[in-house]
């Protein structure tokens, strides 16, 4: 894939995903990590090659804008219910509880929460429908060590989603979580 009038970001790349895999994507800024996710999601069309995706597959995507898009004036319960209209309060609280947002915290306004708590709410929304594949673009940005530790355990142990593709600059995080790592080289190649 290449943007118009630019050198290819990657060529002759083959990426295969299987159920329960955890694939990390590592590389310098501008190397093409987020672009690769967009190609895999069908948001960008490759100039050569093909993309085969099971059309019945449920996909969840976590990007920083999901956290930024949360309604700061709403409560945590309200945010879940806005994404899933008609969901009873108790079910929304149960969904949040799986992500460590329980008790009085579930009734707090989003504006009062830490970055890690906001990320948990975004992940609760994204994983509620049990996606077969979840894309995470820099999920550790703006998280403190406690939140990063929680996210690591969630990605390793949670069974509400199948495969994960994770972009991160945190090599230790990827090494802990991932079964495979794709590294963008400076020559526009993907190394596995």
Protein backbone atom coordinates (compact mmCIF):
# COMPACT_ATOMS: atom_id res chain seq x y z
CA UNK A 1 0.00 0.00 0.00
CA UNK A 2 1.14 3.55 -0.76
CA UNK A 3 -0.47 6.93 -0.47
CA UNK A 4 -0.57 8.90 -3.76
CA UNK A 5 2.84 10.15 -4.95
CA UNK A 6 4.66 8.37 -2.10
CA UNK A 7 6.78 5.27 -1.76
CA UNK A 8 4.99 2.12 -0.57
CA UNK A 9 4.61 1.79 3.19
CA UNK A 10 4.67 -1.99 2.80
CA UNK A 11 5.00 -4.45 -0.07
CA UNK A 12 4.65 -8.22 -0.42
CA UNK A 13 3.09 -8.43 3.02
CA UNK A 14 1.04 -11.39 4.11
CA UNK A 15 -0.88 -11.24 7.36
CA UNK A 16 -2.95 -14.16 8.59
CA UNK A 17 -5.03 -14.07 11.75
CA UNK A 18 -6.43 -17.02 13.61
CA UNK A 19 -8.83 -17.24 16.51
CA UNK A 20 -7.37 -16.25 19.87
CA UNK A 21 -4.17 -14.87 18.35
CA UNK A 22 -2.68 -11.69 19.77
CA UNK A 23 -0.71 -9.90 17.05
CA UNK A 24 1.39 -6.88 17.95
CA UNK A 25 2.45 -4.26 15.43
CA UNK A 26 5.66 -2.38 16.16
CA UNK A 27 7.54 0.27 14.21
CA UNK A 28 8.64 3.88 14.02
CA UNK A 29 6.15 6.75 13.72
CA UNK A 30 4.99 7.05 10.12
CA UNK A 31 6.11 3.52 9.23
CA UNK A 32 2.58 2.43 8.30
CA UNK A 33 1.23 0.69 11.41
CA UNK A 34 -2.13 2.48 11.50
CA UNK A 35 -2.33 2.34 7.70
CA UNK A 36 -1.98 -1.46 7.85
CA UNK A 37 -4.93 -1.61 10.26
CA UNK A 38 -6.98 0.56 7.90
CA UNK A 39 -6.16 -1.76 4.99
CA UNK A 40 -7.12 -4.80 7.07
CA UNK A 41 -10.36 -3.09 8.09
CA UNK A 42 -11.21 -2.32 4.46
CA UNK A 43 -11.02 1.44 5.07
CA UNK A 44 -8.16 1.68 2.55
CA UNK A 45 -7.80 -0.42 -0.59
CA UNK A 46 -4.41 -2.00 -1.33
CA UNK A 47 -2.87 -1.10 -4.68
CA UNK A 48 -1.93 -4.77 -5.21
CA UNK A 49 -3.03 -7.96 -3.59
CA UNK A 50 -6.25 -8.85 -1.90
CA UNK A 51 -7.97 -8.93 1.44
CA UNK A 52 -10.20 -11.79 2.47
CA UNK A 53 -12.41 -11.29 5.49
CA UNK A 54 -15.21 -13.47 6.79
CA UNK A 55 -18.27 -11.29 6.15
CA UNK A 56 -20.02 -12.69 9.24
CA UNK A 57 -17.17 -11.66 11.52
CA UNK A 58 -17.90 -9.16 14.30
CA UNK A 59 -15.14 -6.57 14.64
CA UNK A 60 -14.41 -4.09 17.42
CA UNK A 61 -12.01 -1.18 17.07
CA UNK A 62 -10.35 0.73 19.89
CA UNK A 63 -8.57 3.96 19.02
CA UNK A 64 -7.81 7.04 21.06
CA UNK A 65 -10.79 8.83 19.50
CA UNK A 66 -13.13 6.30 21.16
CA UNK A 67 -12.03 7.59 24.55
CA UNK A 68 -12.17 11.20 23.39
CA UNK A 69 -15.68 10.65 21.98
CA UNK A 70 -17.18 9.68 25.34
CA UNK A 71 -19.80 12.20 26.47
CA UNK A 72 -18.05 13.92 29.37
CA UNK A 73 -21.35 15.04 30.92
CA UNK A 74 -22.83 11.53 31.00
CA UNK A 75 -22.40 8.92 33.68
CA UNK A 76 -20.65 5.63 32.95
CA UNK A 77 -24.00 3.83 32.89
CA UNK A 78 -25.38 6.46 30.49
CA UNK A 79 -22.45 5.89 28.09
CA UNK A 80 -23.10 2.16 27.91
CA UNK A 81 -26.82 2.71 27.43
CA UNK A 82 -26.24 5.32 24.70
CA UNK A 83 -24.32 2.68 22.74
CA UNK A 84 -26.94 -0.01 23.42
CA UNK A 85 -30.36 1.69 23.68
CA UNK A 86 -32.86 -0.11 25.84
CA UNK A 87 -30.24 -1.78 28.00
CA UNK A 88 -31.48 -1.89 31.61
CA UNK A 89 -29.43 -0.07 34.28
CA UNK A 90 -28.41 -3.30 35.99
CA UNK A 91 -27.11 -4.86 32.78
CA UNK A 92 -25.12 -1.69 32.03
CA UNK A 93 -23.66 -1.85 35.55
CA UNK A 94 -22.78 -5.54 35.02
CA UNK A 95 -20.99 -4.69 31.76
CA UNK A 96 -19.04 -1.93 33.51
CA UNK A 97 -18.29 -4.18 36.51
CA UNK A 98 -16.43 -6.65 34.28
CA UNK A 99 -14.05 -3.77 33.53
CA UNK A 100 -13.57 -2.67 37.12
CA UNK A 101 -16.06 0.20 36.93
CA UNK A 102 -18.41 -0.65 39.77
CA UNK A 103 -20.25 0.81 42.73
CA UNK A 104 -20.35 4.60 42.89
CA UNK A 105 -17.81 4.92 40.05
CA UNK A 106 -20.42 3.59 37.58
CA UNK A 107 -22.62 6.56 38.46
CA UNK A 108 -19.89 9.19 38.15
CA UNK A 109 -19.70 11.58 35.23
CA UNK A 110 -17.08 10.71 32.60
CA UNK A 111 -15.35 14.07 33.09
CA UNK A 112 -14.30 13.00 36.61
CA UNK A 113 -12.62 9.75 35.53
CA UNK A 114 -8.95 8.98 34.91
CA UNK A 115 -7.65 8.12 31.45
CA UNK A 116 -7.51 4.45 32.41
CA UNK A 117 -11.12 4.44 33.58
CA UNK A 118 -12.25 6.11 30.35
CA UNK A 119 -10.36 3.47 28.36
CA UNK A 120 -12.11 0.74 30.32
CA UNK A 121 -15.50 2.21 29.43
CA UNK A 122 -14.55 2.42 25.75
CA UNK A 123 -13.38 -1.22 25.84
CA UNK A 124 -16.61 -2.26 27.58
CA UNK A 125 -18.61 -0.68 24.78
CA UNK A 126 -16.45 -2.20 22.04
CA UNK A 127 -16.36 -5.75 23.45
CA UNK A 128 -19.98 -6.01 24.59
CA UNK A 129 -21.04 -7.79 21.38
CA UNK A 130 -18.16 -10.26 21.72
CA UNK A 131 -16.24 -9.40 18.54
CA UNK A 132 -14.29 -12.12 16.77
CA UNK A 133 -11.52 -9.58 16.13
CA UNK A 134 -10.55 -6.44 17.98
CA UNK A 135 -8.18 -3.81 16.63
CA UNK A 136 -6.37 -1.66 19.22
CA UNK A 137 -4.42 1.37 18.01
CA UNK A 138 -2.07 2.61 20.77
CA UNK A 139 -4.28 1.44 23.65
CA UNK A 140 -1.66 2.27 26.30
CA UNK A 141 -1.46 5.98 25.43
CA UNK A 142 -2.28 8.15 28.45
CA UNK A 143 -2.55 5.18 30.81
CA UNK A 144 -0.76 4.92 34.13
CA UNK A 145 1.09 1.71 35.07
CA UNK A 146 -1.93 0.32 36.97
CA UNK A 147 -4.18 0.77 33.94
CA UNK A 148 -1.54 -0.74 31.61
CA UNK A 149 -1.26 -3.77 33.92
CA UNK A 150 -5.05 -4.15 33.90
CA UNK A 151 -5.13 -3.90 30.09
CA UNK A 152 -2.39 -6.54 29.77
CA UNK A 153 -4.36 -8.98 31.91
CA UNK A 154 -7.58 -8.21 30.05
CA UNK A 155 -5.97 -8.89 26.67
CA UNK A 156 -4.35 -12.12 27.84
CA UNK A 157 -7.22 -13.61 29.85
CA UNK A 158 -10.55 -12.17 28.67
CA UNK A 159 -12.74 -14.44 26.58
CA UNK A 160 -15.25 -11.90 25.24
CA UNK A 161 -13.34 -11.48 22.01
CA UNK A 162 -11.31 -13.68 19.70
CA UNK A 163 -8.25 -12.27 17.97
CA UNK A 164 -6.54 -8.97 18.75
CA UNK A 165 -4.28 -6.80 16.59
CA UNK A 166 -2.48 -4.26 18.72
CA UNK A 167 -0.36 -1.27 17.68
CA UNK A 168 1.92 -0.03 20.42
CA UNK A 169 5.30 1.61 20.90
CA UNK A 170 5.60 -0.28 24.20
CA UNK A 171 7.64 -3.37 23.26
CA UNK A 172 7.41 -4.82 26.78
CA UNK A 173 3.60 -4.54 26.64
CA UNK A 174 3.49 -6.28 23.25
CA UNK A 175 5.91 -9.00 24.37
CA UNK A 176 3.71 -9.75 27.39
CA UNK A 177 0.41 -9.77 25.50
CA UNK A 178 1.13 -10.99 21.98
CA UNK A 179 1.64 -14.39 20.43
CA UNK A 180 3.14 -12.79 17.29
CA UNK A 181 4.74 -9.43 16.52
CA UNK A 182 4.93 -7.72 13.14
CA UNK A 183 7.76 -5.21 12.92
CA UNK A 184 7.81 -2.50 10.26
CA UNK A 185 11.31 -2.20 8.87
CA UNK A 186 12.71 0.96 7.34
CA UNK A 187 12.67 -0.71 3.90
CA UNK A 188 8.86 -0.94 3.72
CA UNK A 189 8.81 -4.60 4.69
CA UNK A 190 7.06 -6.43 7.47
CA UNK A 191 9.24 -8.70 9.60
CA UNK A 192 7.65 -11.40 11.74
